[in-house]
Amino acid sequence: MVMVAGHGPATVRTTWEGAQQTVSDMAALKEKVALAVRMSEWTGLMDNSGHASIRIPGTDRILVNSRLAPRARVTADSIVTVDLAGQLLEGDALPPVEIVMHTEVYKARPDVGAVLHLHAPCTTLFGMVGKPMEPYYFRGAAVGRVPIYPDSTLVTRPEQGTALARTLGDGRAVILGAHGSLTVGAGIEEAFYLAVHMEGNARMYKDACCIGTPQPLSPEQCQAIFVEVFKQERFLKLWQYYQTKVTMAAAGL
């Protein structure tokens, strides 16, 4: 590991032991994180805050967008590397103040390769009223039942991150009180897919309440839908759809 001194957080150039990540691999991973943030902001899942991370394969290190980078304009240069203690390993900017929500989930869930923290408005309504989210809309079946982590404050202490990971359990998403939400996946495309459909489920529920009492899907319906929609090809289809929209918007098209 080579430390490069400078102003503010140290910049680190590293060759990770036990990992076979080339420069092009790392560049591609950083661009994925940056794109996930830009798409999440464009869709309203994030606002001026929120973060996305990827576990670097074969390591205990993660890539995450830096604390102050504008979410609508995050680039690969805005991505920093931290370890599972939240310590900066590479980059010239600070990681998010809530980095422990990522690190503690990665510690608890070896199967998780990506985490998104969001401030999606309709999803957050469920946390504000303390109501776990059930699948009401058919696409909500991909997410399943979403529990509530009741602490609405910023998740800045390791014990908070541990409690959040405990509430998530082996699930795919969790709502953070009157604060926001978190989705996880084997890859960032999966975590983004879940975030989009969790907010869609919440929005459809809110709108349906205007005309009646929405009924959750039965377990049998959820299972039948899940096996059809929870597939890598579906994750990539949605990812590419929003990637195209964000690219066209940036070009003024």
C-alpha atoms as a PDB file:
ATOM      1  CA  MET A   1       0.000   0.000   0.000  1.00  0.00           C
ATOM      2  CA  VAL A   2       1.426   3.403  -0.978  1.00  0.00           C
ATOM      3  CA  MET A   3       0.316   6.450   1.038  1.00  0.00           C
ATOM      4  CA  VAL A   4       0.495   9.835  -0.681  1.00  0.00           C
ATOM      5  CA  ALA A   5       0.468  12.750   1.721  1.00  0.00           C
ATOM      6  CA  GLY A   6      -1.503  15.848   0.872  1.00  0.00           C
ATOM      7  CA  HIS A   7      -4.019  18.328   2.166  1.00  0.00           C
ATOM      8  CA  GLY A   8      -7.121  16.807   3.775  1.00  0.00           C
ATOM      9  CA  PRO A   9      -7.624  13.031   3.710  1.00  0.00           C
ATOM     10  CA  ALA A  10      -4.609  11.071   2.518  1.00  0.00           C
ATOM     11  CA  THR A  11      -4.635   9.756  -1.012  1.00  0.00           C
ATOM     12  CA  VAL A  12      -3.751   6.091  -1.256  1.00  0.00           C
ATOM     13  CA  ARG A  13      -2.638   4.094  -4.261  1.00  0.00           C
ATOM     14  CA  THR A  14      -3.073   0.437  -3.479  1.00  0.00           C
ATOM     15  CA  THR A  15      -2.518  -2.983  -4.953  1.00  0.00           C
ATOM     16  CA  TRP A  16      -4.889  -5.138  -2.903  1.00  0.00           C
ATOM     17  CA  GLU A  17      -3.511  -8.392  -1.558  1.00  0.00           C
ATOM     18  CA  GLY A  18      -5.498 -11.396  -2.711  1.00  0.00           C
ATOM     19  CA  ALA A  19      -7.440  -9.412  -5.306  1.00  0.00           C
ATOM     20  CA  GLN A  20      -6.948  -9.451  -9.064  1.00  0.00           C
ATOM     21  CA  GLN A  21      -8.472  -6.075  -9.884  1.00  0.00           C
ATOM     22  CA  THR A  22      -6.938  -4.355 -12.903  1.00  0.00           C
ATOM     23  CA  VAL A  23      -7.008  -0.609 -13.407  1.00  0.00           C
ATOM     24  CA  SER A  24      -9.763  -1.034 -15.998  1.00  0.00           C
ATOM     25  CA  ASP A  25     -11.783  -3.250 -13.609  1.00  0.00           C
ATOM     26  CA  MET A  26     -11.618  -0.593 -10.906  1.00  0.00           C
ATOM     27  CA  ALA A  27     -12.526   2.175 -13.345  1.00  0.00           C
ATOM     28  CA  ALA A  28     -15.576   0.209 -14.463  1.00  0.00           C
ATOM     29  CA  LEU A  29     -16.687  -0.410 -10.864  1.00  0.00           C
ATOM     30  CA  LYS A  30     -16.281   3.263  -9.968  1.00  0.00           C
ATOM     31  CA  GLU A  31     -18.330   4.290 -12.992  1.00  0.00           C
ATOM     32  CA  LYS A  32     -21.077   1.854 -11.935  1.00  0.00           C
ATOM     33  CA  VAL A  33     -21.247   3.452  -8.490  1.00  0.00           C
ATOM     34  CA  ALA A  34     -21.322   6.927 -10.010  1.00  0.00           C
ATOM     35  CA  LEU A  35     -24.039   5.968 -12.483  1.00  0.00           C
ATOM     36  CA  ALA A  36     -26.142   4.405  -9.722  1.00  0.00           C
ATOM     37  CA  VAL A  37     -26.010   7.685  -7.800  1.00  0.00           C
ATOM     38  CA  ARG A  38     -26.887   9.811 -10.837  1.00  0.00           C
ATOM     39  CA  MET A  39     -29.787   7.529 -11.775  1.00  0.00           C
ATOM     40  CA  SER A  40     -31.052   7.451  -8.188  1.00  0.00           C
ATOM     41  CA  GLU A  41     -31.007  11.255  -8.074  1.00  0.00           C
ATOM     42  CA  TRP A  42     -32.676  11.544 -11.488  1.00  0.00           C
ATOM     43  CA  THR A  43     -35.497   9.202 -10.452  1.00  0.00           C
ATOM     44  CA  GLY A  44     -36.046  11.013  -7.137  1.00  0.00           C
ATOM     45  CA  LEU A  45     -34.832   8.071  -5.063  1.00  0.00           C
ATOM     46  CA  MET A  46     -32.028  10.326  -3.799  1.00  0.00           C
ATOM     47  CA  ASP A  47     -31.947  14.078  -3.346  1.00  0.00           C
ATOM     48  CA  ASN A  48     -28.879  16.123  -2.432  1.00  0.00           C
ATOM     49  CA  SER A  49     -27.884  13.257  -0.146  1.00  0.00           C
ATOM     50  CA  GLY A  50     -27.784   9.483  -0.403  1.00  0.00           C
ATOM     51  CA  HIS A  51     -25.073   7.048  -1.370  1.00  0.00           C
ATOM     52  CA  ALA A  52     -24.255   3.911  -3.320  1.00  0.00           C
ATOM     53  CA  SER A  53     -21.494   1.394  -2.725  1.00  0.00           C
ATOM     54  CA  ILE A  54     -20.000  -1.741  -4.255  1.00  0.00           C
ATOM     55  CA  ARG A  55     -17.867  -4.318  -2.482  1.00  0.00           C
ATOM     56  CA  ILE A  56     -14.629  -4.761  -4.436  1.00  0.00           C
ATOM     57  CA  PRO A  57     -14.727  -8.478  -5.368  1.00  0.00           C
ATOM     58  CA  GLY A  58     -12.358 -10.639  -3.380  1.00  0.00           C
ATOM     59  CA  THR A  59     -11.644  -7.954  -0.761  1.00  0.00           C
ATOM     60  CA  ASP A  60     -13.046  -6.365   2.382  1.00  0.00           C
ATOM     61  CA  ARG A  61     -13.011  -2.945   0.757  1.00  0.00           C
ATOM     62  CA  ILE A  62     -15.787  -0.932  -0.799  1.00  0.00           C
ATOM     63  CA  LEU A  63     -16.216   1.844  -3.344  1.00  0.00           C
ATOM     64  CA  VAL A  64     -18.653   4.595  -2.348  1.00  0.00           C
ATOM     65  CA  ASN A  65     -19.483   8.115  -3.524  1.00  0.00           C
ATOM     66  CA  SER A  66     -17.780  10.841  -1.557  1.00  0.00           C
ATOM     67  CA  ARG A  67     -19.589  12.959   1.001  1.00  0.00           C
ATOM     68  CA  LEU A  68     -19.899  16.325  -0.744  1.00  0.00           C
ATOM     69  CA  ALA A  69     -20.013  15.400  -4.439  1.00  0.00           C
ATOM     70  CA  PRO A  70     -23.255  16.738  -6.029  1.00  0.00           C
ATOM     71  CA  ARG A  71     -25.446  13.688  -6.509  1.00  0.00           C
ATOM     72  CA  ALA A  72     -26.656  14.779  -9.951  1.00  0.00           C
ATOM     73  CA  ARG A  73     -23.076  15.089 -11.214  1.00  0.00           C
ATOM     74  CA  VAL A  74     -21.186  12.263  -9.509  1.00  0.00           C
ATOM     75  CA  THR A  75     -18.425  10.821 -11.679  1.00  0.00           C
ATOM     76  CA  ALA A  76     -15.883   8.043 -11.232  1.00  0.00           C
ATOM     77  CA  ASP A  77     -13.530  10.682  -9.821  1.00  0.00           C
ATOM     78  CA  SER A  78     -16.043  11.223  -6.978  1.00  0.00           C
ATOM     79  CA  ILE A  79     -15.704   7.625  -5.779  1.00  0.00           C
ATOM     80  CA  VAL A  80     -13.506   6.761  -2.789  1.00  0.00           C
ATOM     81  CA  THR A  81     -12.309   3.451  -1.350  1.00  0.00           C
ATOM     82  CA  VAL A  82     -12.798   2.531   2.308  1.00  0.00           C
ATOM     83  CA  ASP A  83     -12.273  -0.583   4.417  1.00  0.00           C
ATOM     84  CA  LEU A  84     -14.939  -2.256   6.551  1.00  0.00           C
ATOM     85  CA  ALA A  85     -13.970  -0.009   9.461  1.00  0.00           C
ATOM     86  CA  GLY A  86     -14.975   2.960   7.295  1.00  0.00           C
ATOM     87  CA  GLN A  87     -11.398   4.201   7.009  1.00  0.00           C
ATOM     88  CA  LEU A  88     -10.397   5.978   3.830  1.00  0.00           C
ATOM     89  CA  LEU A  89      -7.942   3.942   1.763  1.00  0.00           C
ATOM     90  CA  GLU A  90      -7.987   5.729  -1.563  1.00  0.00           C
ATOM     91  CA  GLY A  91      -9.313   9.087  -2.703  1.00  0.00           C
ATOM     92  CA  ASP A  92      -8.934  12.741  -1.849  1.00  0.00           C
ATOM     93  CA  ALA A  93     -12.400  13.303  -0.344  1.00  0.00           C
ATOM     94  CA  LEU A  94     -14.268  12.038   2.704  1.00  0.00           C
ATOM     95  CA  PRO A  95     -16.696   9.101   2.544  1.00  0.00           C
ATOM     96  CA  PRO A  96     -20.353   9.651   3.545  1.00  0.00           C
ATOM     97  CA  VAL A  97     -20.933  10.510   7.190  1.00  0.00           C
ATOM     98  CA  GLU A  98     -23.212   7.439   7.353  1.00  0.00           C
ATOM     99  CA  ILE A  99     -20.613   5.040   5.972  1.00  0.00           C
ATOM    100  CA  VAL A 100     -21.331   2.588   8.820  1.00  0.00           C
ATOM    101  CA  MET A 101     -24.679   1.670   7.307  1.00  0.00           C
ATOM    102  CA  HIS A 102     -22.707   0.217   4.402  1.00  0.00           C
ATOM    103  CA  THR A 103     -19.826  -1.330   6.317  1.00  0.00           C
ATOM    104  CA  GLU A 104     -21.979  -3.026   8.958  1.00  0.00           C
ATOM    105  CA  VAL A 105     -24.273  -4.532   6.328  1.00  0.00           C
ATOM    106  CA  TYR A 106     -21.277  -5.875   4.394  1.00  0.00           C
ATOM    107  CA  LYS A 107     -19.888  -7.388   7.598  1.00  0.00           C
ATOM    108  CA  ALA A 108     -23.179  -9.090   8.425  1.00  0.00           C
ATOM    109  CA  ARG A 109     -24.012 -10.190   4.869  1.00  0.00           C
ATOM    110  CA  PRO A 110     -21.194 -11.817   2.877  1.00  0.00           C
ATOM    111  CA  ASP A 111     -23.703 -12.333   0.043  1.00  0.00           C
ATOM    112  CA  VAL A 112     -24.211  -8.572  -0.406  1.00  0.00           C
ATOM    113  CA  GLY A 113     -22.148  -6.932  -3.133  1.00  0.00           C
ATOM    114  CA  ALA A 114     -23.878  -3.544  -3.299  1.00  0.00           C
ATOM    115  CA  VAL A 115     -25.813  -1.181  -1.030  1.00  0.00           C
ATOM    116  CA  LEU A 116     -27.971   1.854  -1.819  1.00  0.00           C
ATOM    117  CA  HIS A 117     -29.114   4.398   0.776  1.00  0.00           C
ATOM    118  CA  LEU A 118     -32.055   6.455  -0.467  1.00  0.00           C
ATOM    119  CA  HIS A 119     -34.447   9.227   0.523  1.00  0.00           C
ATOM    120  CA  ALA A 120     -37.352   8.049  -1.628  1.00  0.00           C
ATOM    121  CA  PRO A 121     -40.411  10.070  -0.499  1.00  0.00           C
ATOM    122  CA  CYS A 122     -43.242   7.522  -0.729  1.00  0.00           C
ATOM    123  CA  THR A 123     -41.177   4.739   0.803  1.00  0.00           C
ATOM    124  CA  THR A 124     -40.231   7.029   3.693  1.00  0.00           C
ATOM    125  CA  LEU A 125     -43.917   7.632   4.465  1.00  0.00           C
ATOM    126  CA  PHE A 126     -44.114   4.031   5.697  1.00  0.00           C
ATOM    127  CA  GLY A 127     -41.318   4.732   8.152  1.00  0.00           C
ATOM    128  CA  MET A 128     -43.008   7.924   9.334  1.00  0.00           C
ATOM    129  CA  VAL A 129     -46.107   5.983  10.364  1.00  0.00           C
ATOM    130  CA  GLY A 130     -44.191   2.904  11.536  1.00  0.00           C
ATOM    131  CA  LYS A 131     -45.861   0.623   9.019  1.00  0.00           C
ATOM    132  CA  PRO A 132     -43.770  -2.192   7.492  1.00  0.00           C
ATOM    133  CA  MET A 133     -44.288  -2.250   3.744  1.00  0.00           C
ATOM    134  CA  GLU A 134     -46.127  -5.187   2.235  1.00  0.00           C
ATOM    135  CA  PRO A 135     -46.177  -5.988  -1.494  1.00  0.00           C
ATOM    136  CA  TYR A 136     -49.311  -4.279  -2.836  1.00  0.00           C
ATOM    137  CA  TYR A 137     -48.307  -3.691  -6.449  1.00  0.00           C
ATOM    138  CA  PHE A 138     -47.103  -6.710  -8.434  1.00  0.00           C
ATOM    139  CA  ARG A 139     -43.578  -5.335  -8.768  1.00  0.00           C
ATOM    140  CA  GLY A 140     -43.409  -5.020  -5.004  1.00  0.00           C
ATOM    141  CA  ALA A 141     -43.243  -8.815  -4.896  1.00  0.00           C
ATOM    142  CA  ALA A 142     -39.592  -8.556  -5.954  1.00  0.00           C
ATOM    143  CA  VAL A 143     -38.828  -6.669  -2.748  1.00  0.00           C
ATOM    144  CA  GLY A 144     -41.029  -8.601  -0.344  1.00  0.00           C
ATOM    145  CA  ARG A 145     -42.054  -7.363   3.091  1.00  0.00           C
ATOM    146  CA  VAL A 146     -39.867  -4.460   4.215  1.00  0.00           C
ATOM    147  CA  PRO A 147     -39.252  -3.991   7.958  1.00  0.00           C
ATOM    148  CA  ILE A 148     -38.832  -0.686   9.806  1.00  0.00           C
ATOM    149  CA  TYR A 149     -35.631   0.315  11.562  1.00  0.00           C
ATOM    150  CA  PRO A 150     -37.195   2.805  14.017  1.00  0.00           C
ATOM    151  CA  ASP A 151     -34.269   5.195  14.551  1.00  0.00           C
ATOM    152  CA  SER A 152     -34.735   8.218  12.266  1.00  0.00           C
ATOM    153  CA  THR A 153     -31.424   9.886  13.170  1.00  0.00           C
ATOM    154  CA  LEU A 154     -28.313   9.787  11.016  1.00  0.00           C
ATOM    155  CA  VAL A 155     -26.642   6.378  11.145  1.00  0.00           C
ATOM    156  CA  THR A 156     -23.153   7.482  12.161  1.00  0.00           C
ATOM    157  CA  ARG A 157     -22.142   5.114  14.971  1.00  0.00           C
ATOM    158  CA  PRO A 158     -21.106   1.476  14.475  1.00  0.00           C
ATOM    159  CA  GLU A 159     -23.745   0.259  16.914  1.00  0.00           C
ATOM    160  CA  GLN A 160     -26.418   1.984  14.827  1.00  0.00           C
ATOM    161  CA  GLY A 161     -25.118   0.305  11.695  1.00  0.00           C
ATOM    162  CA  THR A 162     -25.131  -3.041  13.479  1.00  0.00           C
ATOM    163  CA  ALA A 163     -28.734  -2.537  14.607  1.00  0.00           C
ATOM    164  CA  LEU A 164     -29.735  -1.534  11.076  1.00  0.00           C
ATOM    165  CA  ALA A 165     -28.088  -4.657   9.645  1.00  0.00           C
ATOM    166  CA  ARG A 166     -29.884  -6.746  12.268  1.00  0.00           C
ATOM    167  CA  THR A 167     -33.238  -5.272  11.213  1.00  0.00           C
ATOM    168  CA  LEU A 168     -32.434  -5.942   7.559  1.00  0.00           C
ATOM    169  CA  GLY A 169     -31.626  -9.564   8.466  1.00  0.00           C
ATOM    170  CA  ASP A 170     -31.511 -11.706   5.338  1.00  0.00           C
ATOM    171  CA  GLY A 171     -33.938  -9.401   3.530  1.00  0.00           C
ATOM    172  CA  ARG A 172     -33.491  -7.186   0.506  1.00  0.00           C
ATOM    173  CA  ALA A 173     -34.528  -3.801   1.940  1.00  0.00           C
ATOM    174  CA  VAL A 174     -35.201  -1.880   5.130  1.00  0.00           C
ATOM    175  CA  ILE A 175     -36.919   1.447   5.871  1.00  0.00           C
ATOM    176  CA  LEU A 176     -35.138   3.839   8.240  1.00  0.00           C
ATOM    177  CA  GLY A 177     -37.914   5.465  10.247  1.00  0.00           C
ATOM    178  CA  ALA A 178     -38.692   9.005   9.046  1.00  0.00           C
ATOM    179  CA  HIS A 179     -35.351   9.119   7.261  1.00  0.00           C
ATOM    180  CA  GLY A 180     -35.134   6.981   4.143  1.00  0.00           C
ATOM    181  CA  SER A 181     -34.395   3.430   3.087  1.00  0.00           C
ATOM    182  CA  LEU A 182     -31.696   0.968   2.132  1.00  0.00           C
ATOM    183  CA  THR A 183     -31.606  -1.772  -0.478  1.00  0.00           C
ATOM    184  CA  VAL A 184     -28.984  -4.469  -0.999  1.00  0.00           C
ATOM    185  CA  GLY A 185     -28.104  -6.858  -3.787  1.00  0.00           C
ATOM    186  CA  ALA A 186     -25.495  -9.207  -5.104  1.00  0.00           C
ATOM    187  CA  GLY A 187     -24.759  -6.446  -7.608  1.00  0.00           C
ATOM    188  CA  ILE A 188     -25.617  -2.783  -7.852  1.00  0.00           C
ATOM    189  CA  GLU A 189     -28.078  -3.405 -10.693  1.00  0.00           C
ATOM    190  CA  GLU A 190     -30.097  -5.598  -8.336  1.00  0.00           C
ATOM    191  CA  ALA A 191     -30.001  -3.056  -5.500  1.00  0.00           C
ATOM    192  CA  PHE A 192     -31.176  -0.311  -7.897  1.00  0.00           C
ATOM    193  CA  TYR A 193     -33.944  -2.543  -9.283  1.00  0.00           C
ATOM    194  CA  LEU A 194     -35.225  -3.131  -5.758  1.00  0.00           C
ATOM    195  CA  ALA A 195     -35.081   0.572  -4.910  1.00  0.00           C
ATOM    196  CA  VAL A 196     -37.115   1.534  -7.980  1.00  0.00           C
ATOM    197  CA  HIS A 197     -39.780  -1.084  -7.360  1.00  0.00           C
ATOM    198  CA  MET A 198     -39.973  -0.457  -3.612  1.00  0.00           C
ATOM    199  CA  GLU A 199     -40.743   3.208  -4.288  1.00  0.00           C
ATOM    200  CA  GLY A 200     -43.193   2.221  -7.030  1.00  0.00           C
ATOM    201  CA  ASN A 201     -44.985  -0.118  -4.622  1.00  0.00           C
ATOM    202  CA  ALA A 202     -45.170   2.651  -2.005  1.00  0.00           C
ATOM    203  CA  ARG A 203     -46.455   5.201  -4.523  1.00  0.00           C
ATOM    204  CA  MET A 204     -49.148   2.848  -5.849  1.00  0.00           C
ATOM    205  CA  TYR A 205     -50.251   2.087  -2.290  1.00  0.00           C
ATOM    206  CA  LYS A 206     -50.491   5.801  -1.430  1.00  0.00           C
ATOM    207  CA  ASP A 207     -52.535   6.529  -4.560  1.00  0.00           C
ATOM    208  CA  ALA A 208     -54.811   3.510  -4.056  1.00  0.00           C
ATOM    209  CA  CYS A 209     -55.648   4.737  -0.555  1.00  0.00           C
ATOM    210  CA  CYS A 210     -57.494   7.634  -2.202  1.00  0.00           C
ATOM    211  CA  ILE A 211     -60.118   5.276  -3.626  1.00  0.00           C
ATOM    212  CA  GLY A 212     -60.209   2.397  -1.157  1.00  0.00           C
ATOM    213  CA  THR A 213     -58.222   0.095   1.088  1.00  0.00           C
ATOM    214  CA  PRO A 214     -55.371  -1.610  -0.766  1.00  0.00           C
ATOM    215  CA  GLN A 215     -54.932  -5.303  -0.062  1.00  0.00           C
ATOM    216  CA  PRO A 216     -51.470  -6.862  -0.017  1.00  0.00           C
ATOM    217  CA  LEU A 217     -50.648  -9.636  -2.416  1.00  0.00           C
ATOM    218  CA  SER A 218     -51.019 -13.117  -0.979  1.00  0.00           C
ATOM    219  CA  PRO A 219     -47.862 -15.155  -0.262  1.00  0.00           C
ATOM    220  CA  GLU A 220     -48.793 -17.420  -3.159  1.00  0.00           C
ATOM    221  CA  GLN A 221     -49.108 -14.482  -5.550  1.00  0.00           C
ATOM    222  CA  CYS A 222     -45.821 -13.000  -4.303  1.00  0.00           C
ATOM    223  CA  GLN A 223     -43.968 -16.259  -4.873  1.00  0.00           C
ATOM    224  CA  ALA A 224     -45.391 -16.740  -8.358  1.00  0.00           C
ATOM    225  CA  ILE A 225     -44.460 -13.179  -9.343  1.00  0.00           C
ATOM    226  CA  PHE A 226     -41.052 -13.332  -7.659  1.00  0.00           C
ATOM    227  CA  VAL A 227     -39.829 -16.304  -9.685  1.00  0.00           C
ATOM    228  CA  GLU A 228     -40.743 -14.452 -12.877  1.00  0.00           C
ATOM    229  CA  VAL A 229     -39.322 -11.005 -12.115  1.00  0.00           C
ATOM    230  CA  PHE A 230     -36.338 -11.550  -9.807  1.00  0.00           C
ATOM    231  CA  LYS A 231     -33.808 -12.280 -12.544  1.00  0.00           C
ATOM    232  CA  GLN A 232     -30.540 -10.721 -13.666  1.00  0.00           C
ATOM    233  CA  GLU A 233     -32.001  -9.966 -17.090  1.00  0.00           C
ATOM    234  CA  ARG A 234     -34.727  -7.896 -15.402  1.00  0.00           C
ATOM    235  CA  PHE A 235     -32.170  -6.032 -13.303  1.00  0.00           C
ATOM    236  CA  LEU A 236     -30.144  -5.171 -16.399  1.00  0.00           C
ATOM    237  CA  LYS A 237     -33.214  -4.167 -18.425  1.00  0.00           C
ATOM    238  CA  LEU A 238     -34.234  -1.612 -15.810  1.00  0.00           C
ATOM    239  CA  TRP A 239     -30.639  -0.412 -15.329  1.00  0.00           C
ATOM    240  CA  GLN A 240     -30.177   0.145 -19.059  1.00  0.00           C
ATOM    241  CA  TYR A 241     -33.546   1.902 -19.332  1.00  0.00           C
ATOM    242  CA  TYR A 242     -32.593   4.510 -16.744  1.00  0.00           C
ATOM    243  CA  GLN A 243     -29.015   4.689 -17.985  1.00  0.00           C
ATOM    244  CA  THR A 244     -30.410   5.693 -21.385  1.00  0.00           C
ATOM    245  CA  LYS A 245     -32.725   8.269 -19.832  1.00  0.00           C
ATOM    246  CA  VAL A 246     -29.958   9.841 -17.743  1.00  0.00           C
ATOM    247  CA  THR A 247     -27.593   9.904 -20.734  1.00  0.00           C
ATOM    248  CA  MET A 248     -30.209  11.537 -22.956  1.00  0.00           C
ATOM    249  CA  ALA A 249     -31.085  14.082 -20.261  1.00  0.00           C
ATOM    250  CA  ALA A 250     -27.410  14.996 -19.843  1.00  0.00           C
ATOM    251  CA  ALA A 251     -27.201  15.538 -23.603  1.00  0.00           C
ATOM    252  CA  GLY A 252     -30.303  17.742 -23.571  1.00  0.00           C
ATOM    253  CA  LEU A 253     -32.333  15.240 -25.618  1.00  0.00           C
END
